[in-house]
Protein backbone atom coordinates (compact mmCIF):
# COMPACT_ATOMS: atom_id res chain seq x y z
CA UNK A 1 12.70 -105.37 40.82
CA UNK A 2 12.57 -105.21 36.72
CA UNK A 3 10.48 -102.88 34.86
CA UNK A 4 9.32 -104.55 31.44
CA UNK A 5 10.88 -103.25 28.68
CA UNK A 6 7.23 -102.46 27.02
CA UNK A 7 6.97 -100.17 29.68
CA UNK A 8 10.11 -98.21 29.21
CA UNK A 9 9.67 -98.06 25.63
CA UNK A 10 6.11 -96.73 25.91
CA UNK A 11 7.40 -94.31 28.51
CA UNK A 12 10.06 -92.78 25.97
CA UNK A 13 7.46 -92.78 23.27
CA UNK A 14 5.35 -90.60 24.96
CA UNK A 15 8.07 -88.12 26.07
CA UNK A 16 9.14 -87.79 22.51
CA UNK A 17 5.27 -87.27 21.37
CA UNK A 18 5.00 -84.49 24.27
CA UNK A 19 8.12 -83.03 23.17
CA UNK A 20 7.01 -82.82 19.68
CA UNK A 21 4.06 -81.51 20.65
CA UNK A 22 5.87 -78.88 22.59
CA UNK A 23 8.26 -77.89 19.95
CA UNK A 24 5.18 -77.37 17.75
CA UNK A 25 3.51 -75.38 20.22
CA UNK A 26 6.63 -73.39 20.65
CA UNK A 27 6.80 -72.81 17.03
CA UNK A 28 3.07 -71.93 16.81
CA UNK A 29 3.25 -69.59 19.30
CA UNK A 30 6.43 -67.86 17.70
CA UNK A 31 4.36 -67.53 14.72
CA UNK A 32 1.82 -66.11 16.70
CA UNK A 33 3.81 -63.80 18.06
CA UNK A 34 5.51 -62.70 14.62
CA UNK A 35 1.97 -62.00 13.43
CA UNK A 36 1.01 -60.05 16.78
CA UNK A 37 4.53 -58.04 15.90
CA UNK A 38 3.26 -57.20 12.64
CA UNK A 39 -0.36 -56.75 13.29
CA UNK A 40 1.35 -54.35 15.83
CA UNK A 41 3.25 -52.70 13.45
CA UNK A 42 0.40 -52.30 11.17
CA UNK A 43 -1.69 -50.93 13.91
CA UNK A 44 1.24 -48.04 14.61
CA UNK A 45 0.99 -47.14 10.98
CA UNK A 46 -2.11 -46.92 10.47
CA UNK A 47 -1.92 -44.70 13.68
CA UNK A 48 0.60 -42.99 11.98
CA UNK A 49 -1.55 -42.34 8.78
CA UNK A 50 -4.62 -41.46 10.81
CA UNK A 51 -2.60 -38.74 12.74
CA UNK A 52 -0.97 -37.44 9.42
CA UNK A 53 -4.44 -37.48 7.75
CA UNK A 54 -5.87 -35.66 10.82
CA UNK A 55 -3.09 -32.94 10.64
CA UNK A 56 -3.66 -32.41 6.88
CA UNK A 57 -7.60 -32.45 7.62
CA UNK A 58 -6.88 -29.67 10.41
CA UNK A 59 -4.39 -27.74 8.20
CA UNK A 60 -6.97 -27.70 5.53
CA UNK A 61 -9.72 -26.65 7.75
CA UNK A 62 -7.39 -23.92 9.43
CA UNK A 63 -7.01 -22.41 6.10
CA UNK A 64 -10.38 -22.19 5.36
CA UNK A 65 -11.82 -18.81 6.10
CA UNK A 66 -15.36 -19.98 7.02
CA UNK A 67 -16.78 -21.69 9.93
CA UNK A 68 -16.28 -25.67 9.62
CA UNK A 69 -17.22 -28.60 11.90
CA UNK A 70 -16.05 -32.12 11.82
CA UNK A 71 -19.12 -34.46 12.75
CA UNK A 72 -19.86 -38.05 12.84
CA UNK A 73 -23.16 -39.52 11.41
CA UNK A 74 -24.32 -39.64 15.03
CA UNK A 75 -24.16 -36.00 15.36
CA UNK A 76 -20.89 -35.83 17.59
CA UNK A 77 -18.61 -32.79 16.99
CA UNK A 78 -15.18 -34.29 16.07
CA UNK A 79 -13.24 -31.17 15.74
CA UNK A 80 -13.71 -27.81 13.85
CA UNK A 81 -11.20 -24.92 12.72
CA UNK A 82 -10.27 -21.82 14.64
CA UNK A 83 -13.35 -20.03 13.40
CA UNK A 84 -15.95 -22.77 14.71
CA UNK A 85 -13.82 -23.21 17.83
CA UNK A 86 -14.30 -19.34 18.48
CA UNK A 87 -17.92 -19.05 17.48
CA UNK A 88 -18.99 -22.62 19.24
CA UNK A 89 -16.66 -21.86 22.17
CA UNK A 90 -15.12 -25.32 22.06
CA UNK A 91 -13.63 -24.27 25.50
CA UNK A 92 -16.67 -24.61 27.47
CA UNK A 93 -17.16 -28.10 26.43
CA UNK A 94 -15.67 -31.17 28.10
CA UNK A 95 -13.17 -33.13 25.55
CA UNK A 96 -14.25 -34.04 21.92
CA UNK A 97 -16.00 -35.56 20.65
CA UNK A 98 -19.60 -34.36 22.09
CA UNK A 99 -23.01 -34.12 21.14
CA UNK A 100 -23.95 -31.09 18.64
CA UNK A 101 -26.60 -30.29 21.05
CA UNK A 102 -23.97 -28.99 23.27
CA UNK A 103 -23.10 -26.32 20.69
CA UNK A 104 -26.23 -25.49 19.05
CA UNK A 105 -29.22 -25.84 20.99
CA UNK A 106 -32.08 -26.46 17.94
CA UNK A 107 -33.89 -29.32 18.40
CA UNK A 108 -35.64 -28.60 14.75
CA UNK A 109 -32.34 -27.94 13.12
CA UNK A 110 -30.83 -31.17 14.52
CA UNK A 111 -33.56 -33.17 13.24
CA UNK A 112 -32.98 -31.40 9.80
CA UNK A 113 -29.16 -32.64 10.14
CA UNK A 114 -30.19 -36.02 10.75
CA UNK A 115 -32.48 -36.19 7.80
CA UNK A 116 -29.46 -34.86 5.72
CA UNK A 117 -27.38 -37.18 6.90
CA UNK A 118 -28.86 -40.41 5.79
CA UNK A 119 -29.43 -38.83 2.09
CA UNK A 120 -25.29 -38.72 1.76
CA UNK A 121 -23.24 -38.58 -0.15
CA UNK A 122 -25.22 -36.03 -2.09
CA UNK A 123 -24.20 -32.39 -0.76
CA UNK A 124 -27.43 -31.08 1.40
CA UNK A 125 -28.03 -27.40 2.35
CA UNK A 126 -29.40 -27.14 5.88
CA UNK A 127 -31.65 -24.46 7.30
CA UNK A 128 -29.60 -21.29 8.49
CA UNK A 129 -27.94 -21.07 11.92
CA UNK A 130 -28.18 -18.08 14.14
CA UNK A 131 -25.74 -17.87 16.52
CA UNK A 132 -23.95 -14.92 18.53
CA UNK A 133 -25.41 -12.48 16.64
CA UNK A 134 -24.19 -14.28 13.19
CA UNK A 135 -26.36 -16.03 10.25
CA UNK A 136 -24.62 -19.07 8.61
CA UNK A 137 -25.92 -21.18 5.88
CA UNK A 138 -24.35 -24.61 5.86
CA UNK A 139 -23.85 -27.32 3.99
CA UNK A 140 -23.33 -31.04 4.43
CA UNK A 141 -20.39 -32.80 2.75
CA UNK A 142 -19.85 -36.69 3.23
CA UNK A 143 -15.98 -36.98 4.25
CA UNK A 144 -16.18 -40.73 4.65
CA UNK A 145 -18.50 -43.62 5.62
CA UNK A 146 -18.48 -42.80 9.37
CA UNK A 147 -18.12 -38.58 9.35
CA UNK A 148 -18.80 -35.28 7.68
CA UNK A 149 -17.82 -31.87 7.30
CA UNK A 150 -20.29 -29.15 7.67
CA UNK A 151 -19.13 -26.09 5.84
CA UNK A 152 -20.85 -22.83 7.17
CA UNK A 153 -20.69 -19.84 4.93
CA UNK A 154 -21.13 -16.53 7.04
CA UNK A 155 -24.20 -14.44 5.29
CA UNK A 156 -24.72 -12.21 8.34
CA UNK A 157 -23.79 -9.02 6.14
CA UNK A 158 -26.06 -10.15 3.30
CA UNK A 159 -28.88 -10.92 5.38
CA UNK A 160 -28.50 -7.45 7.07
CA UNK A 161 -27.99 -5.65 3.74
CA UNK A 162 -31.33 -7.54 2.68
CA UNK A 163 -33.01 -6.27 6.00
CA UNK A 164 -31.98 -3.08 5.13
CA UNK A 165 -32.80 -3.01 1.32
CA UNK A 166 -36.40 -4.28 2.18
CA UNK A 167 -36.74 -1.35 5.46
CA UNK A 168 -35.48 1.28 2.85
CA UNK A 169 -38.27 0.10 0.35
CA UNK A 170 -40.95 -0.06 2.81
CA UNK A 171 -39.92 3.12 4.23
CA UNK A 172 -39.79 5.09 0.95
CA UNK A 173 -43.03 3.63 -0.40
CA UNK A 174 -44.63 5.09 2.87
CA UNK A 175 -43.09 8.47 2.58
CA UNK A 176 -43.95 8.73 -0.69
CA UNK A 177 -47.81 7.49 -0.57
CA UNK A 178 -48.73 10.76 1.47
CA UNK A 179 -48.02 13.36 -0.89
CA UNK A 180 -48.51 11.02 -3.88
CA UNK A 181 -52.26 10.96 -2.56
CA UNK A 182 -52.15 14.66 -1.93
CA UNK A 183 -50.89 15.61 -5.37
CA UNK A 184 -53.65 13.31 -7.16
CA UNK A 185 -56.59 14.60 -4.64
CA UNK A 186 -55.44 18.38 -5.49
CA UNK A 187 -55.10 17.37 -9.05
CA UNK A 188 -58.43 15.89 -9.39
CA UNK A 189 -60.36 18.93 -7.33
CA UNK A 190 -58.54 21.19 -10.03
CA UNK A 191 -60.16 18.91 -12.61
CA UNK A 192 -63.49 19.05 -10.69
CA UNK A 193 -63.68 22.43 -9.50
CA UNK A 194 -61.61 24.56 -12.19
CA UNK A 195 -63.74 27.78 -11.75
CA UNK A 196 -63.30 27.88 -7.90
CA UNK A 197 -60.27 30.10 -7.83
CA UNK A 198 -59.72 30.10 -4.11
CA UNK A 199 -59.40 26.36 -4.33
CA UNK A 200 -57.14 26.31 -7.46
CA UNK A 201 -54.90 28.57 -5.62
CA UNK A 202 -55.03 26.16 -2.62
CA UNK A 203 -54.46 23.09 -4.64
CA UNK A 204 -51.87 24.82 -6.78
CA UNK A 205 -49.46 25.41 -3.31
CA UNK A 206 -50.23 22.15 -1.90
CA UNK A 207 -48.96 20.39 -5.21
CA UNK A 208 -46.03 22.87 -5.40
CA UNK A 209 -45.59 21.69 -1.99
CA UNK A 210 -45.38 18.35 -2.07
CA UNK A 211 -43.71 18.07 -5.48
CA UNK A 212 -40.80 19.57 -3.74
CA UNK A 213 -41.06 17.16 -0.78
CA UNK A 214 -40.78 14.31 -3.33
CA UNK A 215 -37.81 16.03 -5.49
CA UNK A 216 -35.95 16.80 -1.88
CA UNK A 217 -36.55 12.73 -0.85
CA UNK A 218 -35.39 11.80 -4.26
CA UNK A 219 -32.19 14.04 -4.03
CA UNK A 220 -31.62 12.38 -0.32
CA UNK A 221 -31.83 8.78 -1.84
CA UNK A 222 -29.77 9.66 -4.80
CA UNK A 223 -27.29 11.02 -2.15
CA UNK A 224 -27.43 7.95 -0.47
CA UNK A 225 -26.89 5.43 -2.94
CA UNK A 226 -23.55 7.45 -4.03
CA UNK A 227 -22.56 7.29 -0.71
CA UNK A 228 -23.56 3.53 -0.42
CA UNK A 229 -21.89 2.51 -3.97
CA UNK A 230 -18.57 4.15 -3.04
CA UNK A 231 -16.40 2.17 -1.54
CA UNK A 232 -13.51 4.44 -1.28
CA UNK A 233 -13.57 7.82 0.53
CA UNK A 234 -14.00 10.90 -1.53
CA UNK A 235 -10.67 11.76 -3.16
CA UNK A 236 -9.92 15.57 -2.42
CA UNK A 237 -9.88 18.16 0.52
CA UNK A 238 -11.34 21.44 1.56
CA UNK A 239 -11.00 23.96 3.90
CA UNK A 240 -13.50 23.41 6.73
CA UNK A 241 -13.41 27.05 7.78
CA UNK A 242 -14.14 28.38 4.63
CA UNK A 243 -17.02 25.79 4.07
CA UNK A 244 -18.80 27.05 7.13
CA UNK A 245 -18.50 30.30 6.23
CA UNK A 246 -20.29 29.63 2.93
CA UNK A 247 -23.10 27.49 5.15
CA UNK A 248 -23.00 30.81 7.22
CA UNK A 249 -23.90 33.08 4.27
CA UNK A 250 -26.39 30.66 2.85
CA UNK A 251 -28.68 30.67 6.03
CA UNK A 252 -28.09 34.46 6.77
CA UNK A 253 -31.43 35.30 5.87
CA UNK A 254 -33.40 32.70 7.14
CA UNK A 255 -31.65 33.48 10.46
CA UNK A 256 -32.51 37.16 10.54
CA UNK A 257 -36.27 36.07 9.52
CA UNK A 258 -36.42 34.02 12.91
CA UNK A 259 -34.13 36.29 14.86
CA UNK A 260 -31.78 33.60 15.46
CA UNK A 261 -27.89 34.50 15.57
CA UNK A 262 -24.98 32.48 14.41
CA UNK A 263 -21.59 32.90 16.63
CA UNK A 264 -18.25 30.90 14.93
CA UNK A 265 -15.38 30.52 17.14
CA UNK A 266 -12.32 29.37 15.40
CA UNK A 267 -8.55 29.48 16.46
CA UNK A 268 -7.39 28.94 13.02
CA UNK A 269 -8.07 30.65 9.95
CA UNK A 270 -7.92 27.65 7.58
CA UNK A 271 -8.19 23.78 8.26
CA UNK A 272 -7.88 21.48 5.59
CA UNK A 273 -9.48 18.31 5.93
CA UNK A 274 -9.62 14.75 3.88
CA UNK A 275 -12.91 15.57 2.31
CA UNK A 276 -14.45 16.53 -1.08
CA UNK A 277 -15.90 20.20 -0.71
CA UNK A 278 -19.69 19.16 -1.77
CA UNK A 279 -19.89 16.51 0.97
CA UNK A 280 -18.07 18.95 3.66
CA UNK A 281 -20.77 21.77 2.65
CA UNK A 282 -23.46 19.02 2.53
CA UNK A 283 -22.75 17.64 6.18
CA UNK A 284 -22.42 21.42 7.85
CA UNK A 285 -25.46 22.50 5.79
CA UNK A 286 -27.64 19.96 7.25
CA UNK A 287 -26.28 20.19 10.54
CA UNK A 288 -26.77 23.99 10.82
CA UNK A 289 -29.92 23.90 9.17
CA UNK A 290 -31.46 21.60 12.06
CA UNK A 291 -30.00 23.69 14.66
CA UNK A 292 -31.45 26.98 13.10
CA UNK A 293 -35.01 25.27 12.49
CA UNK A 294 -34.96 23.81 16.05
CA UNK A 295 -33.87 27.06 17.88
CA UNK A 296 -36.68 28.96 19.51
CA UNK A 297 -36.65 32.55 18.60
CA UNK A 298 -34.33 35.15 19.91
CA UNK A 299 -31.69 32.14 20.51
CA UNK A 300 -28.31 31.61 19.33
CA UNK A 301 -26.30 29.17 17.94
CA UNK A 302 -22.73 28.26 18.68
CA UNK A 303 -20.06 26.76 16.33
CA UNK A 304 -16.62 26.05 17.39
CA UNK A 305 -13.74 25.07 14.81
CA UNK A 306 -10.39 23.61 15.96
CA UNK A 307 -7.74 20.94 15.31
CA UNK A 308 -7.62 18.09 17.90
CA UNK A 309 -4.83 15.95 17.07
CA UNK A 310 -5.11 14.74 13.30
CA UNK A 311 -8.88 15.86 13.22
CA UNK A 312 -10.92 19.07 12.57
CA UNK A 313 -13.13 19.28 15.31
CA UNK A 314 -16.69 20.69 14.79
CA UNK A 315 -18.94 21.28 17.47
CA UNK A 316 -22.00 22.85 16.89
CA UNK A 317 -24.69 23.97 19.99
CA UNK A 318 -28.17 25.04 19.54
CA UNK A 319 -30.55 25.92 22.69
CA UNK A 320 -33.53 24.12 21.24
CA UNK A 321 -35.56 21.05 22.97
CA UNK A 322 -32.89 18.67 22.15
CA UNK A 323 -33.20 15.10 21.46
CA UNK A 324 -34.66 12.55 24.06
CA UNK A 325 -31.71 10.24 25.33
CA UNK A 326 -33.52 6.86 24.11
CA UNK A 327 -33.56 8.54 20.27
CA UNK A 328 -30.06 9.85 20.45
CA UNK A 329 -28.53 6.36 18.92
CA UNK A 330 -31.29 5.84 16.44
CA UNK A 331 -31.41 9.40 14.82
CA UNK A 332 -28.56 8.65 12.56
CA UNK A 333 -30.71 5.71 10.77
CA UNK A 334 -32.36 6.21 7.88
CA UNK A 335 -35.56 6.89 7.87
CA UNK A 336 -35.72 7.18 11.72
CA UNK A 337 -38.61 9.45 12.95
CA UNK A 338 -40.18 9.68 16.16
CA UNK A 339 -42.76 11.62 17.61
CA UNK A 340 -41.81 14.67 19.59
CA UNK A 341 -38.23 13.59 18.97
CA UNK A 342 -37.18 17.40 18.75
CA UNK A 343 -40.25 18.65 21.07
CA UNK A 344 -42.71 18.83 18.23
CA UNK A 345 -45.79 17.03 18.01
CA UNK A 346 -45.62 17.02 13.93
CA UNK A 347 -42.39 15.72 12.23
CA UNK A 348 -40.89 17.35 9.32
CA UNK A 349 -38.50 16.00 6.53
CA UNK A 350 -38.03 12.54 5.43
CA UNK A 351 -35.21 11.20 8.48
CA UNK A 352 -32.69 10.96 5.95
CA UNK A 353 -30.29 14.29 6.74
CA UNK A 354 -28.27 12.80 9.70
CA UNK A 355 -28.44 9.38 7.68
CA UNK A 356 -26.48 11.24 5.18
CA UNK A 357 -24.11 13.13 7.57
CA UNK A 358 -23.59 9.59 9.48
CA UNK A 359 -22.60 7.70 6.19
CA UNK A 360 -20.66 10.16 4.53
CA UNK A 361 -18.50 10.59 7.90
CA UNK A 362 -18.18 6.74 8.09
CA UNK A 363 -17.07 6.46 4.66
CA UNK A 364 -14.06 9.23 5.17
CA UNK A 365 -13.07 7.95 8.54
CA UNK A 366 -14.70 10.69 10.25
CA UNK A 367 -17.16 10.59 13.10
CA UNK A 368 -20.25 12.23 14.46
CA UNK A 369 -21.48 12.40 17.95
CA UNK A 370 -24.60 13.69 19.55
CA UNK A 371 -25.36 14.64 23.06
CA UNK A 372 -27.46 16.91 25.09
CA UNK A 373 -25.79 19.52 27.15
CA UNK A 374 -26.57 21.08 29.89
CA UNK A 375 -28.19 24.32 29.02
CA UNK A 376 -30.42 22.53 27.14
CA UNK A 377 -30.33 21.80 23.46
CA UNK A 378 -28.22 19.61 21.39
CA UNK A 379 -24.56 19.55 20.84
CA UNK A 380 -23.46 17.92 17.41
CA UNK A 381 -19.97 16.99 17.71
CA UNK A 382 -18.16 16.42 13.99
CA UNK A 383 -14.55 14.64 13.76
CA UNK A 384 -12.79 14.88 9.88
CA UNK A 385 -9.40 13.79 9.45
CA UNK A 386 -7.18 16.44 8.55
CA UNK A 387 -5.48 16.32 4.84
CA UNK A 388 -2.02 15.25 4.60
CA UNK A 389 -0.88 18.84 3.52
CA UNK A 390 -2.32 20.18 6.68
CA UNK A 391 -0.36 17.68 8.77
CA UNK A 392 3.01 18.54 6.90
């Protein structure tokens, strides 16, 4: 059977066309493979670049002492420096990124954040954040089109200082109001009833008493101000045994008048401490005056001075009413006074004496401890670092 020639020719032409198309498709496929390889190479290069940039960003964030969070515009935390990891406790959440609400559960703050994101690239201050006792002042900075940095300045100490200054001013005004009112009232009484000898004498006595009260308050405030703005401990040293002897002599008359005895026990004749003499005298005089003031008639005040490791330890024990346990941790705060804090219905003083003692000791790396002893009364323990000469 003979196959027509045109069929054979058509078959070969079809085969040739198919081979051509196949070779063309192979060339196109090869070109696409090459393009894919180029894209894969570029993708890997881009990944490496992104990793390097992230590493550089992490290095930059780690060098910043403040808390820094890396967040995207949807409010998801992408990362942060070590300070942020510790404060926001990254270890307690699943793998990042995670919603900011997992780290800071304040819906009003989150809404403020979302409004601030819409105003980028302009830097935007956000409401303060309060977390774990810290106060942060955050600022939003655009990092790219899709993510931002939250720079959080720690203003805890500044906030506490502002509150402390506010409380100090309020307490000072309160302490000045009563004596100033008395001064004004009695001054007007003298002006109105100048011929009344008994009233004039009473008014003069009150004016003198209240003037002393204000003068004492101003002296205490000046002392606290000097302590607060003295960043380094007092340069100097003194013999604490000798200072205690001078305090005893200064209070001897008052003790005789009240019938209170003062017993000092010391196993050393001299004990030098790293504290200037005027501050050491102020501390011991304050504690001893309080012990004498609250000691019942006929009782005694005991004082022990001895060396304990690298400290001079002074223990002053009275047999008065003591201080309620709930107040012991707060009586060293400025202006802290509580009714019946030492078994009295009416409080005297300004509530600054123990604050002065505590702040001087803190500045000079000393310690103050108050406790009620079993025999009844207050035990005050003071520790002052020994001087280098004493140690040598």
